[in-house]
Every structure is written in C-alpha cells, then in structure tokens.
Amino acid sequence: MGGTVTAVSSNGEYSFTKPNRSSITLLAGLGVEGDVHAGVTVKHRSRVAQDPTRPNLRQVHLIHEELFTEVGQKGFRVVPGELGENITTSGIDLLGLPVGTLLRFGDGAVVEVTGLRNPCVQIDNFQNGLLKEVVARDEDGNLVRKAGIMGVVREGGVVRPGDPIEVELPPEPHRPLDRV
C-alpha cells in the first residue's frame, strides 16, 4: 500500500496557509525544519495556551489531495498548502489509517501517524462554508473530520513532490484515529 507526495509546504510564521516549496526537511522529534509548528512541545496557539509543556503530536500535517477534488465538486477551490498542511498526498486513504502507522517517504524520512486534525473556524475564514464540508456526520451521527491527519517525525530526511510514500501499518489490534 502506498501513494505519492503531490506537494510540500511550510511557513515560519503563524498563518493559516503555507507556501508550497520544492522540498521540506523533516527533523526527527521536531517536525518540519523552519515551520512554525516544529518542536518537541505543542506549538499550536490554542494548545500552548492550555499547556505549553504537552508533547507536540502535531509536528507534521498531511492532507489527501482527493479532499480538494471532493470540495471542488461543491464549488470550493482549494490547492495544496492552503489548508495549512505540510505534505499533500495522493493515493492513500489517510483518514482510514490507524494510530501508529508509519509513512515512509522517498529518501528515508518517516512520520508516525498520531491522529486527526481537528478542523477549526479558520477554515471558514479562509472560504466561507468550507468548514461544513470538512466536518460531517456519518449515518450513525458520529463526527467525521476530513481535514487531514497529524504525525510526528521518527526519522528525518528531505521530502519532495513526486516522492513515493510507503505505508507500514502497526501491529493489530489497530486503534482508529481520533483528534489530536
């Protein structure tokens, strides 16, 4: 099972969107080199306000490019980096991966999946009405978060558009993703 990196993005300043880059460097235990969310402890502003000593389980944000097509069918135009992700993928059901999945990129960088991104009102500030497209309810009324997954860097390396992604599932029993 695998897929492809379609874009990489980072931003050294707090901003909702992240500019696309020709490559990003993942640093083990920290995140994306030069990105505002890199670090051992939480960097997301709301989480820092709650407890700045908590471990950063959101070092790398990944979104599946297929989401852009899905919301595009509802009239929204979203391109890689605009929802704040660091790595845009194609060909992998990111939302269906269990906690602890390892994603192996091109030259050896490894990201361990920690959970789901919790979409926030900033998505509606970006494009009005988009939040309700990336947060939905399933047939049982359970909340479904579609705005990507989060992970921590286990092995550093450079990631570029076009790099293959190998998926290594953790031992069973698998734990479904929840928000982090």
N, C-alpha and C. Protein backbone atom coordinates (compact mmCIF):
# COMPACT_ATOMS: atom_id res chain seq x y z
N MET A 1 0.86 -1.17 0.00
CA MET A 1 0.00 0.00 0.00
C MET A 1 0.90 1.23 0.00
N GLY A 2 0.55 2.19 -0.84
CA GLY A 2 1.34 3.39 -0.89
C GLY A 2 0.70 4.46 -1.74
N GLY A 3 1.38 5.58 -1.85
CA GLY A 3 0.89 6.71 -2.60
C GLY A 3 2.04 7.60 -3.01
N THR A 4 1.71 8.86 -3.26
CA THR A 4 2.68 9.81 -3.76
C THR A 4 2.53 11.16 -3.07
N VAL A 5 3.64 11.84 -2.87
CA VAL A 5 3.62 13.22 -2.39
C VAL A 5 3.30 14.10 -3.60
N THR A 6 2.27 14.92 -3.50
CA THR A 6 1.94 15.82 -4.61
C THR A 6 2.43 17.24 -4.36
N ALA A 7 2.61 17.62 -3.10
CA ALA A 7 3.13 18.96 -2.77
C ALA A 7 3.67 18.95 -1.36
N VAL A 8 4.59 19.87 -1.08
CA VAL A 8 5.10 20.08 0.28
C VAL A 8 5.06 21.57 0.57
N SER A 9 4.77 21.91 1.83
CA SER A 9 4.57 23.31 2.21
C SER A 9 5.09 23.54 3.62
N SER A 10 5.53 24.77 3.88
CA SER A 10 5.94 25.14 5.24
C SER A 10 5.86 26.65 5.36
N ASN A 11 5.81 27.10 6.62
CA ASN A 11 5.76 28.53 6.88
C ASN A 11 6.41 28.79 8.23
N GLY A 12 7.33 29.71 8.27
CA GLY A 12 8.00 30.07 9.52
C GLY A 12 7.22 31.06 10.36
N GLU A 13 6.08 31.53 9.85
CA GLU A 13 5.24 32.48 10.58
C GLU A 13 3.86 31.87 10.76
N TYR A 14 3.16 32.30 11.84
CA TYR A 14 1.79 31.85 12.03
C TYR A 14 0.93 32.42 10.93
N SER A 15 0.36 31.54 10.13
CA SER A 15 -0.52 31.90 9.04
C SER A 15 -1.35 30.66 8.74
N PHE A 16 -2.57 30.85 8.28
CA PHE A 16 -3.41 29.69 8.00
C PHE A 16 -2.86 28.88 6.84
N THR A 17 -2.44 29.55 5.78
CA THR A 17 -1.92 28.84 4.61
C THR A 17 -0.40 28.73 4.71
N LYS A 18 0.13 27.79 3.93
CA LYS A 18 1.57 27.59 3.90
C LYS A 18 2.02 27.55 2.44
N PRO A 19 3.04 28.34 2.09
CA PRO A 19 3.52 28.33 0.70
C PRO A 19 4.11 26.98 0.31
N ASN A 20 3.90 26.61 -0.94
CA ASN A 20 4.50 25.39 -1.47
C ASN A 20 6.00 25.58 -1.61
N ARG A 21 6.72 24.50 -1.44
CA ARG A 21 8.19 24.50 -1.54
C ARG A 21 8.62 23.41 -2.52
N SER A 22 9.86 23.50 -2.96
CA SER A 22 10.41 22.43 -3.81
C SER A 22 10.77 21.22 -2.97
N SER A 23 11.00 21.44 -1.68
CA SER A 23 11.27 20.35 -0.74
C SER A 23 11.10 20.88 0.68
N ILE A 24 10.91 19.96 1.62
CA ILE A 24 10.94 20.28 3.04
C ILE A 24 11.84 19.26 3.71
N THR A 25 12.44 19.66 4.81
CA THR A 25 13.29 18.75 5.57
C THR A 25 12.59 18.42 6.87
N LEU A 26 12.38 17.12 7.10
CA LEU A 26 11.79 16.65 8.35
C LEU A 26 12.92 16.37 9.34
N LEU A 27 12.75 16.86 10.56
CA LEU A 27 13.74 16.68 11.61
C LEU A 27 13.17 15.74 12.68
N ALA A 28 13.87 14.66 12.96
CA ALA A 28 13.39 13.66 13.92
C ALA A 28 13.05 14.31 15.26
N GLY A 29 11.84 14.02 15.74
CA GLY A 29 11.40 14.51 17.03
C GLY A 29 10.97 15.96 17.06
N LEU A 30 11.06 16.66 15.93
CA LEU A 30 10.76 18.10 15.90
C LEU A 30 9.66 18.47 14.90
N GLY A 31 9.78 17.99 13.67
CA GLY A 31 8.82 18.36 12.64
C GLY A 31 9.51 18.89 11.41
N VAL A 32 8.86 19.87 10.75
CA VAL A 32 9.37 20.42 9.50
C VAL A 32 10.32 21.57 9.81
N GLU A 33 11.56 21.45 9.35
CA GLU A 33 12.56 22.48 9.58
C GLU A 33 12.03 23.84 9.13
N GLY A 34 12.13 24.83 10.02
CA GLY A 34 11.72 26.18 9.70
C GLY A 34 10.23 26.44 9.78
N ASP A 35 9.42 25.42 10.09
CA ASP A 35 7.97 25.61 10.18
C ASP A 35 7.60 26.04 11.60
N VAL A 36 6.63 26.92 11.69
CA VAL A 36 6.21 27.48 12.97
C VAL A 36 5.70 26.40 13.94
N HIS A 37 5.24 25.27 13.43
CA HIS A 37 4.71 24.22 14.31
C HIS A 37 5.74 23.16 14.70
N ALA A 38 6.99 23.35 14.30
CA ALA A 38 8.04 22.39 14.66
C ALA A 38 8.41 22.56 16.13
N GLY A 39 8.64 21.43 16.78
CA GLY A 39 9.09 21.48 18.16
C GLY A 39 8.70 20.24 18.93
N VAL A 40 9.37 20.02 20.04
CA VAL A 40 9.10 18.86 20.89
C VAL A 40 7.78 19.03 21.64
N THR A 41 7.49 20.28 22.04
CA THR A 41 6.24 20.56 22.76
C THR A 41 5.27 21.29 21.82
N VAL A 42 4.00 21.33 22.22
CA VAL A 42 2.95 21.92 21.39
C VAL A 42 3.30 23.32 20.91
N LYS A 43 2.89 23.62 19.67
CA LYS A 43 3.15 24.93 19.08
C LYS A 43 1.86 25.61 18.61
N HIS A 44 0.80 24.82 18.44
CA HIS A 44 -0.47 25.40 18.01
C HIS A 44 -0.94 26.35 19.11
N ARG A 45 -1.31 27.57 18.75
CA ARG A 45 -1.58 28.62 19.73
C ARG A 45 -2.58 28.22 20.81
N SER A 46 -3.69 27.58 20.41
CA SER A 46 -4.70 27.22 21.42
C SER A 46 -4.17 26.17 22.39
N ARG A 47 -3.31 25.29 21.90
CA ARG A 47 -2.76 24.25 22.77
C ARG A 47 -1.67 24.79 23.69
N VAL A 48 -0.92 25.74 23.19
CA VAL A 48 0.09 26.40 24.03
C VAL A 48 -0.60 27.12 25.18
N ALA A 49 -1.73 27.76 24.90
CA ALA A 49 -2.48 28.49 25.93
C ALA A 49 -2.99 27.53 27.01
N GLN A 50 -3.33 26.29 26.63
CA GLN A 50 -3.83 25.31 27.60
C GLN A 50 -2.70 24.73 28.44
N ASP A 51 -1.62 24.29 27.78
CA ASP A 51 -0.50 23.69 28.50
C ASP A 51 0.71 23.61 27.56
N PRO A 52 1.63 24.57 27.66
CA PRO A 52 2.76 24.61 26.74
C PRO A 52 3.78 23.48 26.91
N THR A 53 3.61 22.64 27.94
CA THR A 53 4.57 21.57 28.18
C THR A 53 4.15 20.24 27.55
N ARG A 54 2.95 20.19 26.99
CA ARG A 54 2.47 18.93 26.39
C ARG A 54 3.29 18.56 25.16
N PRO A 55 3.47 17.26 24.91
CA PRO A 55 4.23 16.84 23.72
C PRO A 55 3.51 17.27 22.44
N ASN A 56 4.29 17.59 21.43
CA ASN A 56 3.76 18.01 20.15
C ASN A 56 3.44 16.79 19.29
N LEU A 57 2.18 16.41 19.24
CA LEU A 57 1.73 15.29 18.41
C LEU A 57 1.30 15.77 17.03
N ARG A 58 1.52 17.07 16.76
CA ARG A 58 1.08 17.71 15.52
C ARG A 58 2.27 18.34 14.79
N GLN A 59 3.39 17.62 14.73
CA GLN A 59 4.59 18.15 14.10
C GLN A 59 4.44 18.27 12.58
N VAL A 60 3.71 17.34 11.98
CA VAL A 60 3.52 17.32 10.53
C VAL A 60 2.04 17.14 10.25
N HIS A 61 1.50 17.98 9.36
CA HIS A 61 0.10 17.91 8.95
C HIS A 61 0.06 17.41 7.51
N LEU A 62 -0.71 16.34 7.29
CA LEU A 62 -0.86 15.76 5.95
C LEU A 62 -2.32 15.81 5.52
N ILE A 63 -2.56 16.14 4.27
CA ILE A 63 -3.91 16.13 3.70
C ILE A 63 -3.85 15.35 2.39
N HIS A 64 -4.90 14.60 2.13
CA HIS A 64 -5.04 13.86 0.88
C HIS A 64 -5.60 14.79 -0.19
N GLU A 65 -4.94 14.83 -1.33
CA GLU A 65 -5.34 15.71 -2.43
C GLU A 65 -6.77 15.42 -2.89
N GLU A 66 -7.22 14.21 -2.68
CA GLU A 66 -8.58 13.83 -3.07
C GLU A 66 -9.63 14.70 -2.37
N LEU A 67 -9.30 15.24 -1.18
CA LEU A 67 -10.22 16.14 -0.49
C LEU A 67 -10.48 17.39 -1.32
N PHE A 68 -9.46 17.90 -2.01
CA PHE A 68 -9.61 19.10 -2.82
C PHE A 68 -10.60 18.86 -3.96
N THR A 69 -10.54 17.67 -4.54
CA THR A 69 -11.49 17.30 -5.59
C THR A 69 -12.90 17.23 -5.03
N GLU A 70 -13.02 16.60 -3.85
CA GLU A 70 -14.34 16.46 -3.21
C GLU A 70 -14.98 17.82 -2.93
N VAL A 71 -14.22 18.73 -2.33
CA VAL A 71 -14.81 20.04 -2.03
C VAL A 71 -14.96 20.88 -3.29
N GLY A 72 -14.15 20.59 -4.30
CA GLY A 72 -14.27 21.28 -5.58
C GLY A 72 -15.60 21.00 -6.25
N GLN A 73 -16.13 19.79 -6.04
CA GLN A 73 -17.43 19.44 -6.60
C GLN A 73 -18.56 20.21 -5.93
N LYS A 74 -18.27 20.84 -4.81
CA LYS A 74 -19.27 21.66 -4.11
C LYS A 74 -19.01 23.15 -4.32
N GLY A 75 -18.09 23.48 -5.23
CA GLY A 75 -17.85 24.87 -5.59
C GLY A 75 -16.68 25.54 -4.91
N PHE A 76 -15.91 24.82 -4.10
CA PHE A 76 -14.76 25.40 -3.43
C PHE A 76 -13.50 25.12 -4.24
N ARG A 77 -12.58 26.08 -4.24
CA ARG A 77 -11.29 25.88 -4.90
C ARG A 77 -10.22 25.90 -3.83
N VAL A 78 -9.58 24.74 -3.63
CA VAL A 78 -8.52 24.61 -2.64
C VAL A 78 -7.34 23.93 -3.32
N VAL A 79 -6.16 24.47 -3.10
CA VAL A 79 -4.95 23.87 -3.66
C VAL A 79 -3.98 23.55 -2.52
N PRO A 80 -2.98 22.71 -2.78
CA PRO A 80 -2.05 22.32 -1.73
C PRO A 80 -1.46 23.50 -0.98
N GLY A 81 -1.41 23.34 0.35
CA GLY A 81 -0.85 24.33 1.25
C GLY A 81 -1.87 25.30 1.80
N GLU A 82 -3.00 25.45 1.13
CA GLU A 82 -3.98 26.45 1.55
C GLU A 82 -4.70 26.10 2.84
N LEU A 83 -4.76 24.81 3.21
CA LEU A 83 -5.39 24.43 4.47
C LEU A 83 -4.34 24.22 5.56
N GLY A 84 -3.13 24.68 5.31
CA GLY A 84 -2.09 24.66 6.33
C GLY A 84 -1.30 23.37 6.44
N GLU A 85 -1.49 22.47 5.48
CA GLU A 85 -0.78 21.20 5.57
C GLU A 85 0.67 21.33 5.11
N ASN A 86 1.50 20.42 5.61
CA ASN A 86 2.91 20.36 5.21
C ASN A 86 3.12 19.42 4.04
N ILE A 87 2.34 18.32 4.01
CA ILE A 87 2.51 17.33 2.95
C ILE A 87 1.13 17.01 2.38
N THR A 88 1.01 17.17 1.06
CA THR A 88 -0.21 16.80 0.35
C THR A 88 0.08 15.47 -0.34
N THR A 89 -0.84 14.51 -0.16
CA THR A 89 -0.63 13.17 -0.69
C THR A 89 -1.69 12.82 -1.73
N SER A 90 -1.42 11.76 -2.45
CA SER A 90 -2.38 11.21 -3.39
C SER A 90 -2.28 9.69 -3.32
N GLY A 91 -3.45 9.03 -3.37
CA GLY A 91 -3.46 7.57 -3.44
C GLY A 91 -3.47 6.83 -2.12
N ILE A 92 -3.57 7.55 -1.00
CA ILE A 92 -3.61 6.90 0.32
C ILE A 92 -4.85 7.40 1.05
N ASP A 93 -5.60 6.47 1.63
CA ASP A 93 -6.74 6.84 2.48
C ASP A 93 -6.20 7.23 3.84
N LEU A 94 -5.71 8.47 3.94
CA LEU A 94 -5.10 8.92 5.19
C LEU A 94 -6.05 8.79 6.37
N LEU A 95 -7.32 9.15 6.17
CA LEU A 95 -8.29 9.15 7.27
C LEU A 95 -8.59 7.74 7.77
N GLY A 96 -8.32 6.73 6.96
CA GLY A 96 -8.57 5.35 7.35
C GLY A 96 -7.40 4.66 8.00
N LEU A 97 -6.28 5.36 8.13
CA LEU A 97 -5.10 4.75 8.75
C LEU A 97 -5.27 4.67 10.26
N PRO A 98 -4.73 3.64 10.89
CA PRO A 98 -4.77 3.59 12.35
C PRO A 98 -3.64 4.39 12.99
N VAL A 99 -3.83 4.73 14.26
CA VAL A 99 -2.78 5.37 15.06
C VAL A 99 -1.53 4.48 15.02
N GLY A 100 -0.38 5.11 14.88
CA GLY A 100 0.87 4.36 14.88
C GLY A 100 1.35 3.93 13.51
N THR A 101 0.57 4.19 12.46
CA THR A 101 1.01 3.87 11.11
C THR A 101 2.27 4.67 10.80
N LEU A 102 3.21 4.03 10.13
CA LEU A 102 4.43 4.71 9.70
C LEU A 102 4.31 5.03 8.21
N LEU A 103 4.58 6.28 7.86
CA LEU A 103 4.61 6.71 6.47
C LEU A 103 6.07 6.96 6.11
N ARG A 104 6.57 6.18 5.15
CA ARG A 104 7.97 6.27 4.74
C ARG A 104 8.06 7.01 3.41
N PHE A 105 8.84 8.09 3.41
CA PHE A 105 8.94 8.95 2.25
C PHE A 105 10.26 8.77 1.53
N GLY A 106 10.22 8.90 0.22
CA GLY A 106 11.36 8.94 -0.68
C GLY A 106 12.69 8.50 -0.13
N ASP A 107 13.46 9.43 0.42
CA ASP A 107 14.84 9.13 0.81
C ASP A 107 15.00 8.64 2.24
N GLY A 108 13.89 8.29 2.92
CA GLY A 108 14.02 7.69 4.23
C GLY A 108 13.35 8.41 5.38
N ALA A 109 12.77 9.57 5.15
CA ALA A 109 12.05 10.25 6.22
C ALA A 109 10.85 9.40 6.63
N VAL A 110 10.56 9.36 7.94
CA VAL A 110 9.44 8.56 8.45
C VAL A 110 8.60 9.41 9.39
N VAL A 111 7.28 9.40 9.15
CA VAL A 111 6.32 10.09 10.00
C VAL A 111 5.41 9.04 10.62
N GLU A 112 5.23 9.11 11.94
CA GLU A 112 4.29 8.23 12.64
C GLU A 112 2.98 8.98 12.82
N VAL A 113 1.89 8.38 12.37
CA VAL A 113 0.57 8.99 12.44
C VAL A 113 0.08 9.00 13.88
N THR A 114 -0.33 10.19 14.36
CA THR A 114 -0.79 10.33 15.74
C THR A 114 -2.30 10.55 15.85
N GLY A 115 -2.92 11.13 14.82
CA GLY A 115 -4.36 11.37 14.90
C GLY A 115 -4.86 12.29 13.82
N LEU A 116 -6.11 12.72 14.00
CA LEU A 116 -6.79 13.58 13.04
C LEU A 116 -6.58 15.05 13.37
N ARG A 117 -6.53 15.84 12.32
CA ARG A 117 -6.57 17.29 12.52
C ARG A 117 -7.99 17.65 12.95
N ASN A 118 -8.09 18.51 13.92
CA ASN A 118 -9.40 18.99 14.35
C ASN A 118 -9.68 20.30 13.61
N PRO A 119 -10.55 20.26 12.58
CA PRO A 119 -10.82 21.47 11.81
C PRO A 119 -11.39 22.58 12.70
N CYS A 120 -11.00 23.82 12.40
CA CYS A 120 -11.44 24.95 13.21
C CYS A 120 -12.07 26.02 12.34
N VAL A 121 -12.55 27.06 12.98
CA VAL A 121 -13.26 28.14 12.30
C VAL A 121 -12.37 28.86 11.29
N GLN A 122 -11.06 28.75 11.41
CA GLN A 122 -10.17 29.39 10.43
C GLN A 122 -10.46 28.88 9.02
N ILE A 123 -10.97 27.66 8.90
CA ILE A 123 -11.31 27.12 7.58
C ILE A 123 -12.43 27.94 6.95
N ASP A 124 -13.42 28.33 7.76
CA ASP A 124 -14.50 29.19 7.25
C ASP A 124 -13.99 30.60 6.98
N ASN A 125 -13.02 31.07 7.76
CA ASN A 125 -12.43 32.38 7.49
C ASN A 125 -11.70 32.38 6.15
N PHE A 126 -11.13 31.23 5.79
CA PHE A 126 -10.43 31.06 4.52
C PHE A 126 -11.43 31.06 3.36
N GLN A 127 -12.48 30.23 3.46
CA GLN A 127 -13.55 30.19 2.47
C GLN A 127 -14.85 29.88 3.20
N ASN A 128 -15.74 30.83 3.22
CA ASN A 128 -17.00 30.69 3.94
C ASN A 128 -17.76 29.44 3.49
N GLY A 129 -18.14 28.62 4.46
CA GLY A 129 -18.89 27.39 4.19
C GLY A 129 -18.03 26.16 4.03
N LEU A 130 -16.72 26.33 3.92
CA LEU A 130 -15.83 25.18 3.72
C LEU A 130 -15.76 24.28 4.95
N LEU A 131 -15.88 24.86 6.14
CA LEU A 131 -15.78 24.06 7.37
C LEU A 131 -16.81 22.94 7.37
N LYS A 132 -18.04 23.23 6.95
CA LYS A 132 -19.07 22.18 6.98
C LYS A 132 -18.82 21.08 5.94
N GLU A 133 -17.91 21.34 5.01
CA GLU A 133 -17.55 20.31 4.03
C GLU A 133 -16.44 19.40 4.54
N VAL A 134 -15.64 19.89 5.49
CA VAL A 134 -14.55 19.08 6.01
C VAL A 134 -14.85 18.50 7.39
N VAL A 135 -16.03 18.83 7.92
CA VAL A 135 -16.54 18.22 9.14
C VAL A 135 -17.97 17.79 8.83
N ALA A 136 -18.23 16.50 8.98
CA ALA A 136 -19.56 15.99 8.63
C ALA A 136 -20.00 14.97 9.68
N ARG A 137 -21.15 14.42 9.49
CA ARG A 137 -21.67 13.34 10.34
C ARG A 137 -21.90 12.11 9.47
N ASP A 138 -21.55 10.93 10.01
CA ASP A 138 -21.84 9.70 9.27
C ASP A 138 -23.28 9.27 9.53
N GLU A 139 -23.67 8.13 8.97
CA GLU A 139 -25.06 7.67 9.10
C GLU A 139 -25.47 7.38 10.54
N ASP A 140 -24.49 7.17 11.42
CA ASP A 140 -24.79 6.94 12.84
C ASP A 140 -24.73 8.23 13.67
N GLY A 141 -24.47 9.35 13.00
CA GLY A 141 -24.41 10.63 13.71
C GLY A 141 -23.05 10.95 14.29
N ASN A 142 -22.04 10.11 14.03
CA ASN A 142 -20.70 10.36 14.54
C ASN A 142 -20.00 11.45 13.73
N LEU A 143 -19.22 12.27 14.41
CA LEU A 143 -18.47 13.33 13.76
C LEU A 143 -17.37 12.74 12.89
N VAL A 144 -17.25 13.24 11.66
CA VAL A 144 -16.22 12.80 10.73
C VAL A 144 -15.37 14.01 10.37
N ARG A 145 -14.10 13.94 10.72
CA ARG A 145 -13.16 15.03 10.42
C ARG A 145 -12.38 14.65 9.17
N LYS A 146 -12.42 15.51 8.14
CA LYS A 146 -11.80 15.19 6.85
C LYS A 146 -10.58 16.05 6.53
N ALA A 147 -10.18 16.95 7.43
CA ALA A 147 -9.14 17.94 7.12
C ALA A 147 -7.73 17.43 7.33
N GLY A 148 -7.53 16.13 7.21
CA GLY A 148 -6.18 15.58 7.25
C GLY A 148 -5.81 14.94 8.56
N ILE A 149 -4.56 14.50 8.60
CA ILE A 149 -4.03 13.80 9.76
C ILE A 149 -2.77 14.49 10.24
N MET A 150 -2.38 14.14 11.46
CA MET A 150 -1.19 14.71 12.08
C MET A 150 -0.20 13.58 12.40
N GLY A 151 1.06 13.96 12.51
CA GLY A 151 2.06 12.96 12.84
C GLY A 151 3.29 13.58 13.46
N VAL A 152 4.16 12.71 13.92
CA VAL A 152 5.46 13.11 14.47
C VAL A 152 6.56 12.48 13.62
N VAL A 153 7.68 13.17 13.55
CA VAL A 153 8.79 12.70 12.73
C VAL A 153 9.63 11.70 13.53
N ARG A 154 9.70 10.48 13.03
CA ARG A 154 10.52 9.43 13.68
C ARG A 154 11.92 9.38 13.08
N GLU A 155 12.02 9.62 11.77
CA GLU A 155 13.32 9.64 11.09
C GLU A 155 13.32 10.83 10.13
N GLY A 156 14.37 11.62 10.21
CA GLY A 156 14.46 12.81 9.39
C GLY A 156 14.83 12.52 7.95
N GLY A 157 14.65 13.52 7.12
CA GLY A 157 15.01 13.42 5.71
C GLY A 157 14.29 14.48 4.90
N VAL A 158 14.62 14.54 3.64
CA VAL A 158 14.03 15.51 2.72
C VAL A 158 12.83 14.87 2.03
N VAL A 159 11.75 15.64 1.91
CA VAL A 159 10.54 15.19 1.22
C VAL A 159 10.27 16.16 0.08
N ARG A 160 9.98 15.58 -1.11
CA ARG A 160 9.75 16.39 -2.31
C ARG A 160 8.48 15.92 -3.02
N PRO A 161 7.86 16.83 -3.77
CA PRO A 161 6.75 16.39 -4.63
C PRO A 161 7.23 15.28 -5.56
N GLY A 162 6.38 14.28 -5.75
CA GLY A 162 6.74 13.14 -6.58
C GLY A 162 7.32 11.97 -5.82
N ASP A 163 7.74 12.20 -4.56
CA ASP A 163 8.29 11.10 -3.76
C ASP A 163 7.23 10.03 -3.52
N PRO A 164 7.64 8.76 -3.57
CA PRO A 164 6.70 7.70 -3.19
C PRO A 164 6.52 7.69 -1.67
N ILE A 165 5.36 7.18 -1.24
CA ILE A 165 5.07 7.02 0.18
C ILE A 165 4.73 5.56 0.41
N GLU A 166 5.43 4.92 1.31
CA GLU A 166 5.11 3.55 1.71
C GLU A 166 4.37 3.60 3.04
N VAL A 167 3.34 2.80 3.16
CA VAL A 167 2.53 2.75 4.37
C VAL A 167 2.85 1.47 5.12
N GLU A 168 3.23 1.60 6.40
CA GLU A 168 3.50 0.43 7.25
C GLU A 168 2.53 0.47 8.42
N LEU A 169 1.57 -0.45 8.40
CA LEU A 169 0.57 -0.48 9.47
C LEU A 169 1.18 -1.02 10.76
N PRO A 170 0.69 -0.55 11.91
CA PRO A 170 1.20 -1.06 13.19
C PRO A 170 0.62 -2.45 13.47
N PRO A 171 1.16 -3.13 14.47
CA PRO A 171 0.57 -4.43 14.84
C PRO A 171 -0.88 -4.27 15.27
N GLU A 172 -1.65 -5.29 15.04
CA GLU A 172 -3.06 -5.28 15.48
C GLU A 172 -3.11 -5.54 16.97
N PRO A 173 -4.14 -5.14 17.68
CA PRO A 173 -5.35 -4.51 17.15
C PRO A 173 -5.08 -3.04 16.80
N HIS A 174 -5.66 -2.59 15.68
CA HIS A 174 -5.50 -1.21 15.25
C HIS A 174 -6.44 -0.28 16.03
N ARG A 175 -5.92 0.90 16.35
CA ARG A 175 -6.73 1.93 17.01
C ARG A 175 -7.11 2.98 15.96
N PRO A 176 -8.38 3.27 15.82
CA PRO A 176 -8.79 4.29 14.85
C PRO A 176 -8.28 5.67 15.26
N LEU A 177 -8.14 6.52 14.27
CA LEU A 177 -7.67 7.88 14.53
C LEU A 177 -8.73 8.68 15.28
N ASP A 178 -8.26 9.54 16.16
CA ASP A 178 -9.11 10.50 16.87
C ASP A 178 -8.38 11.83 16.78
N ARG A 179 -9.03 12.91 17.13
CA ARG A 179 -8.41 14.22 17.03
C ARG A 179 -7.24 14.35 18.01
N VAL A 180 -6.22 15.06 17.56
CA VAL A 180 -5.08 15.36 18.44
C VAL A 180 -4.83 16.85 18.43
